[in-house]
N, C-alpha and C. Protein backbone atom coordinates (compact mmCIF):
# COMPACT_ATOMS: atom_id res chain seq x y z
N MET A 1 -9.47 -8.84 -19.28
CA MET A 1 -8.12 -9.01 -19.77
C MET A 1 -7.69 -10.47 -19.59
N GLU A 2 -7.15 -11.04 -20.63
CA GLU A 2 -6.68 -12.42 -20.57
C GLU A 2 -5.27 -12.45 -19.99
N ILE A 3 -5.03 -13.35 -19.08
CA ILE A 3 -3.73 -13.47 -18.42
C ILE A 3 -2.84 -14.42 -19.22
N ALA A 4 -1.64 -13.94 -19.55
CA ALA A 4 -0.67 -14.77 -20.26
C ALA A 4 -0.05 -15.74 -19.26
N THR A 5 0.08 -17.00 -19.66
CA THR A 5 0.70 -18.00 -18.79
C THR A 5 2.03 -18.48 -19.34
N LYS A 6 2.43 -17.97 -20.49
CA LYS A 6 3.72 -18.32 -21.08
C LYS A 6 4.53 -17.04 -21.27
N SER A 7 5.83 -17.17 -21.11
CA SER A 7 6.72 -16.04 -21.23
C SER A 7 8.04 -16.55 -21.80
N VAL A 8 8.70 -15.73 -22.60
CA VAL A 8 10.00 -16.09 -23.14
C VAL A 8 11.06 -15.49 -22.23
N ILE A 9 11.85 -16.36 -21.59
CA ILE A 9 12.94 -15.91 -20.73
C ILE A 9 14.19 -15.77 -21.57
N THR A 10 14.87 -14.62 -21.42
CA THR A 10 16.13 -14.36 -22.10
C THR A 10 17.25 -14.31 -21.07
N CYS A 11 18.23 -15.17 -21.22
CA CYS A 11 19.36 -15.21 -20.31
C CYS A 11 20.23 -13.97 -20.53
N PRO A 12 20.51 -13.20 -19.48
CA PRO A 12 21.35 -12.01 -19.65
C PRO A 12 22.82 -12.34 -19.87
N GLU A 13 23.22 -13.58 -19.59
CA GLU A 13 24.63 -13.97 -19.76
C GLU A 13 24.94 -14.37 -21.20
N CYS A 14 24.08 -15.20 -21.79
CA CYS A 14 24.39 -15.73 -23.13
C CYS A 14 23.37 -15.35 -24.20
N GLY A 15 22.23 -14.78 -23.79
CA GLY A 15 21.21 -14.37 -24.75
C GLY A 15 20.26 -15.48 -25.18
N HIS A 16 20.44 -16.69 -24.64
CA HIS A 16 19.55 -17.81 -24.99
C HIS A 16 18.11 -17.48 -24.58
N GLN A 17 17.17 -17.83 -25.44
CA GLN A 17 15.75 -17.58 -25.16
C GLN A 17 14.99 -18.90 -25.18
N LYS A 18 14.03 -18.99 -24.26
CA LYS A 18 13.17 -20.18 -24.23
C LYS A 18 11.81 -19.79 -23.68
N GLU A 19 10.75 -20.28 -24.34
CA GLU A 19 9.41 -20.07 -23.83
C GLU A 19 9.13 -21.05 -22.71
N GLU A 20 8.64 -20.52 -21.59
CA GLU A 20 8.35 -21.33 -20.42
C GLU A 20 6.93 -21.05 -19.92
N GLU A 21 6.35 -22.05 -19.30
CA GLU A 21 5.04 -21.92 -18.65
C GLU A 21 5.28 -21.30 -17.28
N MET A 22 4.53 -20.25 -16.96
CA MET A 22 4.68 -19.59 -15.66
C MET A 22 3.75 -20.22 -14.64
N PRO A 23 4.22 -20.38 -13.41
CA PRO A 23 3.32 -20.86 -12.36
C PRO A 23 2.28 -19.77 -12.07
N THR A 24 1.04 -20.18 -11.84
CA THR A 24 -0.01 -19.18 -11.60
C THR A 24 -0.25 -18.95 -10.12
N GLY A 25 0.18 -19.86 -9.26
CA GLY A 25 -0.09 -19.71 -7.84
C GLY A 25 1.14 -19.45 -7.00
N ALA A 26 2.29 -19.23 -7.64
CA ALA A 26 3.52 -18.99 -6.90
C ALA A 26 4.52 -18.28 -7.81
N CYS A 27 5.53 -17.71 -7.18
CA CYS A 27 6.59 -17.07 -7.95
C CYS A 27 7.71 -18.07 -8.20
N GLN A 28 8.42 -17.87 -9.28
CA GLN A 28 9.59 -18.70 -9.55
C GLN A 28 10.81 -17.82 -9.32
N TYR A 29 11.52 -18.12 -8.25
CA TYR A 29 12.64 -17.28 -7.83
C TYR A 29 13.94 -17.64 -8.55
N PHE A 30 14.12 -18.90 -8.92
CA PHE A 30 15.34 -19.34 -9.61
C PHE A 30 14.98 -19.93 -10.96
N TYR A 31 15.90 -19.76 -11.93
CA TYR A 31 15.75 -20.36 -13.25
C TYR A 31 17.15 -20.65 -13.77
N GLU A 32 17.38 -21.88 -14.23
CA GLU A 32 18.69 -22.23 -14.78
C GLU A 32 18.62 -22.22 -16.30
N CYS A 33 19.49 -21.42 -16.92
CA CYS A 33 19.57 -21.38 -18.38
C CYS A 33 20.08 -22.72 -18.87
N GLU A 34 19.35 -23.32 -19.81
CA GLU A 34 19.76 -24.63 -20.33
C GLU A 34 20.95 -24.54 -21.27
N ASN A 35 21.29 -23.33 -21.72
CA ASN A 35 22.42 -23.17 -22.64
C ASN A 35 23.75 -22.99 -21.90
N CYS A 36 23.79 -22.08 -20.91
CA CYS A 36 25.06 -21.78 -20.24
C CYS A 36 25.06 -22.18 -18.76
N ASN A 37 23.93 -22.72 -18.28
CA ASN A 37 23.79 -23.19 -16.90
C ASN A 37 23.89 -22.10 -15.83
N THR A 38 23.72 -20.85 -16.24
CA THR A 38 23.68 -19.75 -15.27
C THR A 38 22.36 -19.82 -14.51
N THR A 39 22.41 -19.66 -13.20
CA THR A 39 21.20 -19.62 -12.39
C THR A 39 20.76 -18.16 -12.27
N LEU A 40 19.58 -17.87 -12.80
CA LEU A 40 19.05 -16.52 -12.75
C LEU A 40 18.24 -16.33 -11.48
N LYS A 41 18.33 -15.14 -10.91
CA LYS A 41 17.52 -14.72 -9.77
C LYS A 41 16.89 -13.39 -10.15
N PRO A 42 15.75 -13.04 -9.56
CA PRO A 42 15.10 -11.77 -9.90
C PRO A 42 16.01 -10.57 -9.61
N LYS A 43 15.85 -9.54 -10.42
CA LYS A 43 16.54 -8.28 -10.16
C LYS A 43 15.92 -7.64 -8.92
N GLU A 44 16.64 -6.72 -8.33
CA GLU A 44 16.13 -6.02 -7.15
C GLU A 44 14.80 -5.37 -7.49
N ASP A 45 13.85 -5.46 -6.60
CA ASP A 45 12.49 -4.92 -6.73
C ASP A 45 11.58 -5.74 -7.64
N ASP A 46 12.07 -6.84 -8.21
CA ASP A 46 11.21 -7.75 -8.98
C ASP A 46 10.90 -8.96 -8.11
N CYS A 47 9.73 -9.56 -8.33
CA CYS A 47 9.31 -10.68 -7.48
C CYS A 47 9.76 -12.03 -8.00
N CYS A 48 10.04 -12.13 -9.30
CA CYS A 48 10.39 -13.44 -9.85
C CYS A 48 11.21 -13.29 -11.13
N VAL A 49 11.72 -14.41 -11.64
CA VAL A 49 12.56 -14.36 -12.84
C VAL A 49 11.77 -13.95 -14.08
N PHE A 50 10.46 -14.21 -14.09
CA PHE A 50 9.67 -13.80 -15.25
C PHE A 50 9.53 -12.28 -15.31
N CYS A 51 9.39 -11.65 -14.15
CA CYS A 51 9.29 -10.18 -14.12
C CYS A 51 10.62 -9.53 -14.51
N SER A 52 11.74 -10.21 -14.23
CA SER A 52 13.05 -9.66 -14.53
C SER A 52 13.53 -9.98 -15.95
N PHE A 53 13.32 -11.21 -16.41
CA PHE A 53 13.93 -11.66 -17.65
C PHE A 53 12.94 -12.18 -18.69
N GLY A 54 11.66 -12.15 -18.37
CA GLY A 54 10.66 -12.69 -19.28
C GLY A 54 10.04 -11.64 -20.19
N SER A 55 9.41 -12.12 -21.22
CA SER A 55 8.70 -11.22 -22.15
C SER A 55 7.36 -10.78 -21.58
N LYS A 56 6.87 -11.50 -20.58
CA LYS A 56 5.62 -11.17 -19.88
C LYS A 56 5.87 -11.24 -18.38
N ALA A 57 5.23 -10.36 -17.64
CA ALA A 57 5.30 -10.43 -16.18
C ALA A 57 4.50 -11.63 -15.69
N CYS A 58 4.76 -12.04 -14.46
CA CYS A 58 4.05 -13.20 -13.90
C CYS A 58 2.55 -12.90 -13.76
N PRO A 59 1.72 -13.95 -13.72
CA PRO A 59 0.27 -13.76 -13.66
C PRO A 59 -0.22 -12.84 -12.52
N PRO A 60 0.28 -12.95 -11.28
CA PRO A 60 -0.21 -12.02 -10.25
C PRO A 60 0.07 -10.55 -10.59
N VAL A 61 1.24 -10.26 -11.12
CA VAL A 61 1.57 -8.88 -11.49
C VAL A 61 0.68 -8.41 -12.65
N GLN A 62 0.40 -9.30 -13.60
CA GLN A 62 -0.49 -8.95 -14.70
C GLN A 62 -1.88 -8.56 -14.18
N GLN A 63 -2.28 -9.14 -13.05
CA GLN A 63 -3.59 -8.87 -12.47
C GLN A 63 -3.55 -7.75 -11.43
N ASP A 64 -2.41 -7.04 -11.35
CA ASP A 64 -2.21 -5.96 -10.38
C ASP A 64 -2.41 -6.45 -8.95
N GLN A 65 -1.94 -7.66 -8.67
CA GLN A 65 -2.01 -8.22 -7.34
C GLN A 65 -0.61 -8.29 -6.74
N ASN A 66 -0.56 -8.36 -5.42
CA ASN A 66 0.74 -8.58 -4.78
C ASN A 66 1.23 -9.96 -5.15
N CYS A 67 2.49 -10.03 -5.42
CA CYS A 67 3.08 -11.30 -5.81
C CYS A 67 3.94 -11.80 -4.66
N CYS A 68 3.82 -13.08 -4.37
CA CYS A 68 4.63 -13.76 -3.37
C CYS A 68 4.43 -13.16 -2.00
C-alpha cells in the first residue's frame, strides 16, 4: 500500500481548503487556517489535525501504527 503524504485540510470555521504536505515522522497538532486565521487542534481521540480535518489520515495511522 502506498502512503499518501499530502492531504487537503478543510477549516471547520470558514470551509477554506488547502492541500498540505504531512510530516512523516511526527504529528502536527496545530494548524492555522490562512483564510480566517483560526488555529485548528485535533478533535478528541484524534492524534493530529490531518486525522481530524484532512482528506487523508496521517502517515502513521495509514500504516496502522501508533501515532505520536
